[in-house]
Protein backbone atom coordinates (compact mmCIF):
# COMPACT_ATOMS: atom_id res chain seq x y z
CA UNK A 1 75.81 51.56 175.24
CA UNK A 2 74.70 48.03 174.37
CA UNK A 3 74.22 45.36 177.01
CA UNK A 4 77.07 42.76 177.03
CA UNK A 5 76.28 39.10 177.09
CA UNK A 6 79.30 36.79 177.76
CA UNK A 7 79.41 33.20 176.90
CA UNK A 8 76.01 31.45 176.29
CA UNK A 9 74.53 31.82 179.78
CA UNK A 10 71.76 34.41 180.24
CA UNK A 11 72.74 37.12 182.74
CA UNK A 12 70.93 39.90 184.51
CA UNK A 13 70.77 42.98 182.26
CA UNK A 14 69.86 46.57 182.96
CA UNK A 15 66.42 47.73 181.99
CA UNK A 16 65.41 50.39 179.61
CA UNK A 17 64.77 53.79 181.25
CA UNK A 18 61.55 53.90 183.34
CA UNK A 19 60.96 50.14 183.06
CA UNK A 20 60.10 48.52 186.43
CA UNK A 21 61.51 45.05 186.20
CA UNK A 22 60.24 42.54 188.71
CA UNK A 23 62.58 40.01 190.29
CA UNK A 24 62.91 36.94 188.02
CA UNK A 25 61.49 33.77 189.47
CA UNK A 26 63.74 30.79 190.12
CA UNK A 27 64.13 28.37 187.23
CA UNK A 28 60.88 26.55 186.60
CA UNK A 29 61.38 22.83 186.12
CA UNK A 30 58.19 22.56 184.13
CA UNK A 31 59.97 24.09 181.15
CA UNK A 32 63.09 21.97 181.15
CA UNK A 33 61.86 20.08 178.13
CA UNK A 34 61.11 23.23 176.12
CA UNK A 35 64.29 23.62 174.17
CA UNK A 36 63.02 25.81 171.29
CA UNK A 37 60.12 28.00 170.51
CA UNK A 38 58.46 25.21 168.41
CA UNK A 39 58.22 23.02 171.50
CA UNK A 40 55.53 25.32 172.84
CA UNK A 41 53.31 24.80 169.83
CA UNK A 42 53.20 21.04 170.35
CA UNK A 43 52.17 21.49 173.91
CA UNK A 44 49.58 24.20 173.05
CA UNK A 45 48.03 21.96 170.46
CA UNK A 46 47.27 19.39 173.20
CA UNK A 47 46.22 22.04 175.73
CA UNK A 48 43.92 24.24 173.67
CA UNK A 49 40.52 23.37 172.22
CA UNK A 50 40.81 22.52 168.50
CA UNK A 51 38.99 25.77 167.51
CA UNK A 52 41.52 27.94 169.42
CA UNK A 53 44.62 26.11 168.24
CA UNK A 54 43.30 26.42 164.67
CA UNK A 55 42.68 30.16 165.19
CA UNK A 56 46.25 30.78 166.24
CA UNK A 57 48.04 28.41 163.88
CA UNK A 58 46.05 29.07 160.70
CA UNK A 59 46.39 31.47 157.96
CA UNK A 60 44.11 32.52 155.11
CA UNK A 61 42.65 30.14 152.51
CA UNK A 62 45.40 27.60 151.52
CA UNK A 63 47.88 28.84 154.19
CA UNK A 64 50.39 29.52 151.39
CA UNK A 65 51.44 32.91 152.70
CA UNK A 66 51.88 31.52 156.27
CA UNK A 67 54.11 28.71 154.99
CA UNK A 68 56.11 31.11 152.78
CA UNK A 69 56.97 33.11 155.88
CA UNK A 70 58.57 30.07 157.45
CA UNK A 71 60.20 28.86 154.23
CA UNK A 72 61.78 32.24 153.31
CA UNK A 73 64.49 31.90 155.97
CA UNK A 74 65.79 28.88 154.04
CA UNK A 75 66.55 31.14 151.04
CA UNK A 76 69.78 32.22 152.84
CA UNK A 77 72.70 30.45 154.45
CA UNK A 78 75.40 31.93 156.70
CA UNK A 79 79.01 32.52 155.85
CA UNK A 80 80.53 32.71 159.32
CA UNK A 81 83.90 34.34 160.16
CA UNK A 82 86.42 32.56 162.39
CA UNK A 83 89.02 33.38 165.02
CA UNK A 84 87.28 36.51 166.21
CA UNK A 85 87.22 37.32 169.94
CA UNK A 86 83.54 37.09 170.66
CA UNK A 87 83.81 36.84 174.41
CA UNK A 88 82.19 40.21 174.97
CA UNK A 89 79.47 40.09 172.42
CA UNK A 90 76.32 42.14 172.82
CA UNK A 91 72.84 41.80 171.43
CA UNK A 92 71.24 44.74 173.03
CA UNK A 93 69.40 47.03 170.66
CA UNK A 94 68.42 50.75 170.68
CA UNK A 95 64.98 51.34 169.24
CA UNK A 96 63.02 54.62 169.31
CA UNK A 97 65.25 55.97 172.09
CA UNK A 98 65.08 52.90 174.37
CA UNK A 99 67.70 50.34 174.95
CA UNK A 100 66.29 46.78 174.85
CA UNK A 101 68.15 43.71 175.84
CA UNK A 102 67.38 41.83 172.58
CA UNK A 103 66.54 42.76 168.99
CA UNK A 104 63.12 41.23 169.05
CA UNK A 105 59.71 41.77 170.61
CA UNK A 106 56.18 40.31 170.98
CA UNK A 107 53.87 41.08 168.03
CA UNK A 108 50.23 42.04 168.54
CA UNK A 109 47.78 39.12 168.79
CA UNK A 110 44.03 39.74 169.13
CA UNK A 111 41.82 37.78 171.62
CA UNK A 112 44.90 36.49 173.49
CA UNK A 113 43.07 36.49 176.73
CA UNK A 114 40.73 33.83 175.41
CA UNK A 115 43.71 31.56 174.59
CA UNK A 116 45.76 32.23 177.77
CA UNK A 117 44.50 33.41 181.08
CA UNK A 118 44.91 37.29 181.15
CA UNK A 119 47.11 36.75 178.02
CA UNK A 120 47.58 40.42 177.17
CA UNK A 121 48.63 41.25 180.77
CA UNK A 122 50.98 38.21 180.74
CA UNK A 123 52.75 39.54 177.61
CA UNK A 124 53.10 42.98 179.08
CA UNK A 125 54.55 41.78 182.30
CA UNK A 126 56.87 39.20 180.71
CA UNK A 127 58.10 41.73 178.18
CA UNK A 128 58.73 44.40 180.80
CA UNK A 129 60.67 41.87 182.99
CA UNK A 130 62.83 40.82 180.04
CA UNK A 131 63.07 44.46 178.78
CA UNK A 132 61.75 43.84 175.28
CA UNK A 133 58.76 45.56 173.63
CA UNK A 134 55.31 43.98 173.26
CA UNK A 135 52.52 45.39 171.01
CA UNK A 136 49.00 45.40 172.48
CA UNK A 137 46.42 44.52 169.84
CA UNK A 138 43.25 46.67 169.35
CA UNK A 139 41.44 43.35 169.43
CA UNK A 140 42.62 42.69 173.02
CA UNK A 141 40.38 42.00 175.95
CA UNK A 142 42.05 43.89 178.86
CA UNK A 143 41.96 47.63 179.12
CA UNK A 144 44.97 49.31 177.52
CA UNK A 145 45.45 51.50 180.64
CA UNK A 146 45.89 48.37 182.74
CA UNK A 147 48.34 46.90 180.21
CA UNK A 148 50.46 50.04 180.10
CA UNK A 149 50.59 50.36 183.92
CA UNK A 150 51.77 46.74 184.16
CA UNK A 151 54.15 46.82 181.13
CA UNK A 152 56.08 50.01 180.48
CA UNK A 153 57.61 48.50 177.32
CA UNK A 154 54.18 48.02 175.73
CA UNK A 155 53.18 49.67 172.44
CA UNK A 156 49.59 50.06 171.14
CA UNK A 157 48.39 48.74 167.75
CA UNK A 158 45.20 50.02 166.15
CA UNK A 159 42.64 48.76 163.55
CA UNK A 160 40.80 51.87 162.47
CA UNK A 161 37.87 52.71 160.28
CA UNK A 162 38.10 55.66 157.89
CA UNK A 163 36.28 57.86 160.32
CA UNK A 164 37.94 60.85 162.01
CA UNK A 165 35.25 60.99 164.73
CA UNK A 166 36.45 57.56 165.92
CA UNK A 167 40.11 57.96 165.14
CA UNK A 168 40.80 61.17 167.16
CA UNK A 169 39.32 60.09 170.53
CA UNK A 170 41.14 56.79 170.44
CA UNK A 171 44.45 58.46 169.66
CA UNK A 172 43.87 60.75 172.61
CA UNK A 173 43.03 57.81 174.92
CA UNK A 174 46.28 56.02 173.95
CA UNK A 175 48.34 59.18 174.54
CA UNK A 176 46.69 59.76 177.95
CA UNK A 177 47.58 56.19 179.01
CA UNK A 178 51.29 56.98 178.40
CA UNK A 179 52.05 54.89 175.39
CA UNK A 180 55.07 55.97 173.41
CA UNK A 181 54.50 54.16 170.19
CA UNK A 182 51.29 54.01 168.14
CA UNK A 183 51.15 51.22 165.52
CA UNK A 184 48.56 51.42 162.71
CA UNK A 185 47.86 48.03 161.04
CA UNK A 186 46.94 48.82 157.44
CA UNK A 187 46.54 45.38 155.77
CA UNK A 188 43.00 44.59 156.97
CA UNK A 189 40.58 46.66 154.86
CA UNK A 190 38.29 43.72 155.01
CA UNK A 191 38.13 40.40 156.90
CA UNK A 192 40.22 37.63 155.52
CA UNK A 193 38.90 34.31 154.13
CA UNK A 194 40.02 32.12 157.05
CA UNK A 195 38.50 28.81 156.05
CA UNK A 196 40.42 27.01 158.75
CA UNK A 197 38.38 28.90 161.31
CA UNK A 198 35.16 27.67 159.79
CA UNK A 199 36.38 24.05 159.70
CA UNK A 200 37.60 24.09 163.32
CA UNK A 201 34.56 25.91 164.65
CA UNK A 202 36.09 29.23 165.71
CA UNK A 203 34.34 32.53 165.19
CA UNK A 204 34.26 36.04 166.52
CA UNK A 205 31.66 36.70 167.85
CA UNK A 206 31.75 33.30 169.53
CA UNK A 207 28.72 31.26 168.61
CA UNK A 208 27.67 28.60 171.11
CA UNK A 209 27.10 25.15 169.64
CA UNK A 210 27.21 21.46 170.54
CA UNK A 211 30.52 21.12 168.67
CA UNK A 212 31.97 24.07 170.65
CA UNK A 213 30.71 22.67 173.94
CA UNK A 214 32.31 19.30 173.25
CA UNK A 215 35.62 20.99 172.36
CA UNK A 216 35.58 22.85 175.66
CA UNK A 217 34.66 19.84 177.80
CA UNK A 218 37.43 17.66 176.24
CA UNK A 219 40.07 20.26 177.16
CA UNK A 220 39.49 20.68 180.97
CA UNK A 221 42.75 22.45 181.70
CA UNK A 222 41.90 25.28 179.36
CA UNK A 223 38.20 25.36 180.14
CA UNK A 224 38.75 25.56 183.93
CA UNK A 225 42.09 27.38 184.05
CA UNK A 226 41.36 30.02 181.33
CA UNK A 227 37.71 30.23 180.34
CA UNK A 228 35.96 29.53 183.67
CA UNK A 229 38.51 31.42 185.67
CA UNK A 230 38.14 34.44 183.44
CA UNK A 231 34.32 34.49 183.61
CA UNK A 232 34.31 33.99 187.43
CA UNK A 233 36.99 36.63 188.23
CA UNK A 234 36.51 39.19 185.48
CA UNK A 235 33.15 38.53 183.72
CA UNK A 236 32.46 38.14 180.09
CA UNK A 237 35.47 39.48 178.06
CA UNK A 238 34.86 42.59 175.97
CA UNK A 239 36.88 44.13 173.20
CA UNK A 240 38.24 46.89 175.33
CA UNK A 241 40.54 48.86 173.10
CA UNK A 242 39.13 49.24 169.56
CA UNK A 243 37.76 52.69 170.40
CA UNK A 244 37.90 55.39 173.00
CA UNK A 245 35.08 53.65 174.77
CA UNK A 246 34.53 49.97 175.65
CA UNK A 247 33.66 47.72 172.84
CA UNK A 248 31.21 44.75 172.65
CA UNK A 249 31.60 41.40 174.42
CA UNK A 250 33.09 38.49 172.52
CA UNK A 251 29.66 36.96 172.06
CA UNK A 252 28.06 40.12 170.60
CA UNK A 253 26.42 40.05 167.20
CA UNK A 254 27.32 43.75 166.86
CA UNK A 255 31.04 43.11 166.46
CA UNK A 256 31.17 43.72 162.66
CA UNK A 257 29.40 47.00 163.17
CA UNK A 258 31.89 47.97 165.87
CA UNK A 259 34.76 47.29 163.53
CA UNK A 260 33.56 50.08 161.22
CA UNK A 261 34.47 50.79 157.62
CA UNK A 262 38.09 49.89 157.47
CA UNK A 263 37.96 49.76 153.70
CA UNK A 264 37.60 53.60 153.71
CA UNK A 265 40.98 54.00 155.43
CA UNK A 266 43.42 56.01 153.34
CA UNK A 267 46.65 58.12 153.55
CA UNK A 268 44.54 61.04 154.50
CA UNK A 269 43.82 59.31 157.81
CA UNK A 270 47.49 58.63 158.28
CA UNK A 271 47.96 62.46 157.97
CA UNK A 272 45.32 62.94 160.66
CA UNK A 273 46.98 60.56 163.05
CA UNK A 274 50.47 62.00 162.45
CA UNK A 275 49.11 65.52 163.28
CA UNK A 276 47.43 64.36 166.43
CA UNK A 277 49.92 61.76 167.71
CA UNK A 278 53.10 63.27 169.21
CA UNK A 279 54.92 60.02 169.91
CA UNK A 280 56.48 57.52 167.60
CA UNK A 281 54.23 56.45 164.73
CA UNK A 282 54.63 53.10 162.95
CA UNK A 283 52.66 51.55 160.01
CA UNK A 284 52.37 47.79 160.10
CA UNK A 285 51.62 45.69 156.96
CA UNK A 286 53.95 47.28 154.36
CA UNK A 287 55.18 44.93 151.58
CA UNK A 288 55.78 47.35 148.68
CA UNK A 289 58.50 49.77 147.97
CA UNK A 290 55.91 52.43 146.85
CA UNK A 291 54.14 52.21 150.21
CA UNK A 292 57.37 52.50 152.10
CA UNK A 293 58.14 55.68 150.25
CA UNK A 294 54.67 56.99 150.88
CA UNK A 295 55.00 56.27 154.60
CA UNK A 296 58.21 58.24 154.69
CA UNK A 297 56.58 61.16 152.84
CA UNK A 298 53.81 61.22 155.44
CA UNK A 299 56.19 61.57 158.34
CA UNK A 300 55.90 57.99 159.68
CA UNK A 301 58.78 57.14 162.13
CA UNK A 302 58.85 53.45 161.28
CA UNK A 303 57.30 50.64 159.22
CA UNK A 304 56.78 47.00 159.93
CA UNK A 305 57.27 44.72 156.92
CA UNK A 306 54.53 42.16 157.47
CA UNK A 307 51.85 40.11 155.75
CA UNK A 308 49.98 39.63 158.99
CA UNK A 309 51.34 36.22 159.63
CA UNK A 310 49.89 35.02 156.37
CA UNK A 311 46.43 35.64 157.80
CA UNK A 312 45.12 38.19 155.29
CA UNK A 313 45.95 37.97 151.64
CA UNK A 314 46.95 34.41 150.79
CA UNK A 315 49.90 34.39 148.37
CA UNK A 316 51.25 37.68 149.64
CA UNK A 317 55.04 37.88 149.41
CA UNK A 318 56.87 36.76 152.51
CA UNK A 319 58.25 39.81 154.49
CA UNK A 320 61.81 38.55 154.47
CA UNK A 321 61.76 38.39 150.65
CA UNK A 322 60.33 41.94 150.45
CA UNK A 323 62.72 43.31 153.02
CA UNK A 324 65.92 44.27 151.12
CA UNK A 325 64.08 46.43 148.59
CA UNK A 326 62.03 48.15 151.21
CA UNK A 327 65.06 48.89 153.40
CA UNK A 328 66.67 50.63 150.34
CA UNK A 329 63.54 52.76 149.84
CA UNK A 330 63.01 53.54 153.48
CA UNK A 331 66.31 55.13 154.38
CA UNK A 332 65.76 57.42 157.38
CA UNK A 333 62.92 55.36 158.78
CA UNK A 334 63.12 52.52 161.24
CA UNK A 335 62.32 49.27 159.43
CA UNK A 336 60.95 46.30 161.44
CA UNK A 337 59.71 42.85 160.36
CA UNK A 338 57.40 40.12 161.61
CA UNK A 339 56.45 36.81 160.04
CA UNK A 340 58.04 33.38 160.49
CA UNK A 341 60.56 34.17 163.27
CA UNK A 342 61.18 30.92 165.20
CA UNK A 343 64.89 30.74 165.84
CA UNK A 344 67.85 33.04 166.68
CA UNK A 345 69.18 32.37 163.17
CA UNK A 346 65.89 33.80 161.80
CA UNK A 347 66.42 37.00 163.74
CA UNK A 348 69.91 37.41 162.57
CA UNK A 349 69.06 36.77 158.92
CA UNK A 350 66.40 39.54 159.09
CA UNK A 351 68.91 41.94 160.73
CA UNK A 352 71.52 41.07 158.11
CA UNK A 353 69.07 41.94 155.33
CA UNK A 354 68.49 45.41 156.91
CA UNK A 355 65.78 45.08 159.52
CA UNK A 356 66.34 47.16 162.59
CA UNK A 357 64.18 44.94 164.80
CA UNK A 358 61.86 41.94 164.53
CA UNK A 359 58.69 40.66 166.22
CA UNK A 360 57.31 37.18 166.70
CA UNK A 361 53.69 36.36 167.63
CA UNK A 362 52.40 32.74 167.57
CA UNK A 363 55.30 31.12 169.59
CA UNK A 364 54.79 33.56 172.54
CA UNK A 365 51.01 33.01 172.51
CA UNK A 366 51.56 29.25 172.64
CA UNK A 367 53.91 29.79 175.55
CA UNK A 368 51.40 31.96 177.37
CA UNK A 369 48.66 29.40 176.86
CA UNK A 370 50.67 26.53 178.38
CA UNK A 371 52.79 28.39 180.88
CA UNK A 372 51.44 31.86 181.61
CA UNK A 373 53.97 34.56 182.32
CA UNK A 374 56.71 32.04 183.31
CA UNK A 375 56.24 30.32 179.95
CA UNK A 376 56.59 33.58 178.04
CA UNK A 377 59.68 34.50 180.01
CA UNK A 378 61.15 31.12 179.20
CA UNK A 379 60.34 31.56 175.45
CA UNK A 380 62.00 35.03 175.49
CA UNK A 381 65.04 33.63 177.17
CA UNK A 382 65.30 30.77 174.72
CA UNK A 383 65.27 33.10 171.74
CA UNK A 384 67.66 35.56 173.29
CA UNK A 385 70.11 32.82 174.24
CA UNK A 386 70.01 31.56 170.65
CA UNK A 387 70.76 35.04 169.26
CA UNK A 388 73.81 35.37 171.54
CA UNK A 389 75.10 31.90 170.72
CA UNK A 390 74.58 32.33 166.98
CA UNK A 391 76.44 35.62 166.99
CA UNK A 392 79.44 33.86 168.51
CA UNK A 393 79.26 31.11 165.91
CA UNK A 394 79.02 33.74 163.16
CA UNK A 395 82.15 35.49 164.46
CA UNK A 396 80.43 38.80 165.45
CA UNK A 397 80.41 40.66 168.74
CA UNK A 398 77.79 43.39 168.13
CA UNK A 399 74.62 43.56 166.09
CA UNK A 400 76.14 46.35 164.00
CA UNK A 401 78.42 43.70 162.48
CA UNK A 402 75.45 41.64 161.28
CA UNK A 403 75.49 42.66 157.59
CA UNK A 404 74.54 41.20 154.23
CA UNK A 405 78.03 39.78 153.65
CA UNK A 406 77.37 37.16 156.30
CA UNK A 407 74.67 35.67 154.09
CA UNK A 408 74.75 33.81 150.76
CA UNK A 409 71.81 32.69 148.67
CA UNK A 410 70.94 29.05 149.40
CA UNK A 411 68.40 28.87 146.63
CA UNK A 412 66.88 30.98 143.91
């Protein structure tokens, strides 16, 4: 049964099975001026060193793919229905056997704990409290076991080389930690050409320089509250979750070697993971109908239509524009989407075009950077409230009613 949300005021909702939800804090007056997800970006731009803001906000090369993700939602306009009793509308959503309180989750974002203090842990705790999924990136800096213990709604996302000797132990580690969903990101065979990172001074591994030092000194809230606090309390951050064993520190010159030969990854390795992984298996980074069909043939439970937030192949099609054709080809699989989600209307447009669920990344990382767990909770609440309000204005009471006939083409 879906969770019922009445009127436009967020109410307490039951958690998914086995989710330990902590008591929500009292309303935090610090966030009274944050009225939409985009408001967190403006604050994060002031709070973060230029290199980190550029790392989060930028895409690849000309940023064309990143911008196309945002623009694609303007391809469609709503055709609302009127005089429908929407007083008992619900935007709860069942996904992979769990009932979540909203049809969206937090996408995987690498190196989050550099940008926000204990960022991966913040996401896990906020997502569990709100009863939405979050996906832990393989490029995260806090051990996946700790994340799973703190956030029972967490999934794990992998970047894998084409090497069975490294794949199998990692799959076993993730299973032993209790994760229910394994996400394989497949659109990173090589590192992208992120020119914005070079211009802003960001690199992994981190390379000390006078420019970097000045960037840190001129942003004292981040340098003390995130960087220094992390070093003092937890030591130099390491990439904890790329393999079955601990990875290198963020300043290591051996990072590229640790990433392995991802350009050798193939459908044969998907078969290997499918045989070894007993839980739900998702492939992230699908944009073609042919690949959606291949994923279905290989026994994958779900796919995520994604161009990596515009951070890999510049000029790649926006996920929303690829979505309808992929949904048609992927019948029988769960189809999810990420890329460009900023408003409740974006969520509903993606659902109307056939997505079962959506994920957003950058806005939640901005919220974590400026407000920690409370900031992420507020961001989740903002988006959830928008979805409920927009459903009422559309004249629908349940997400099952959000169908293509509620949309019309606004432009070619």
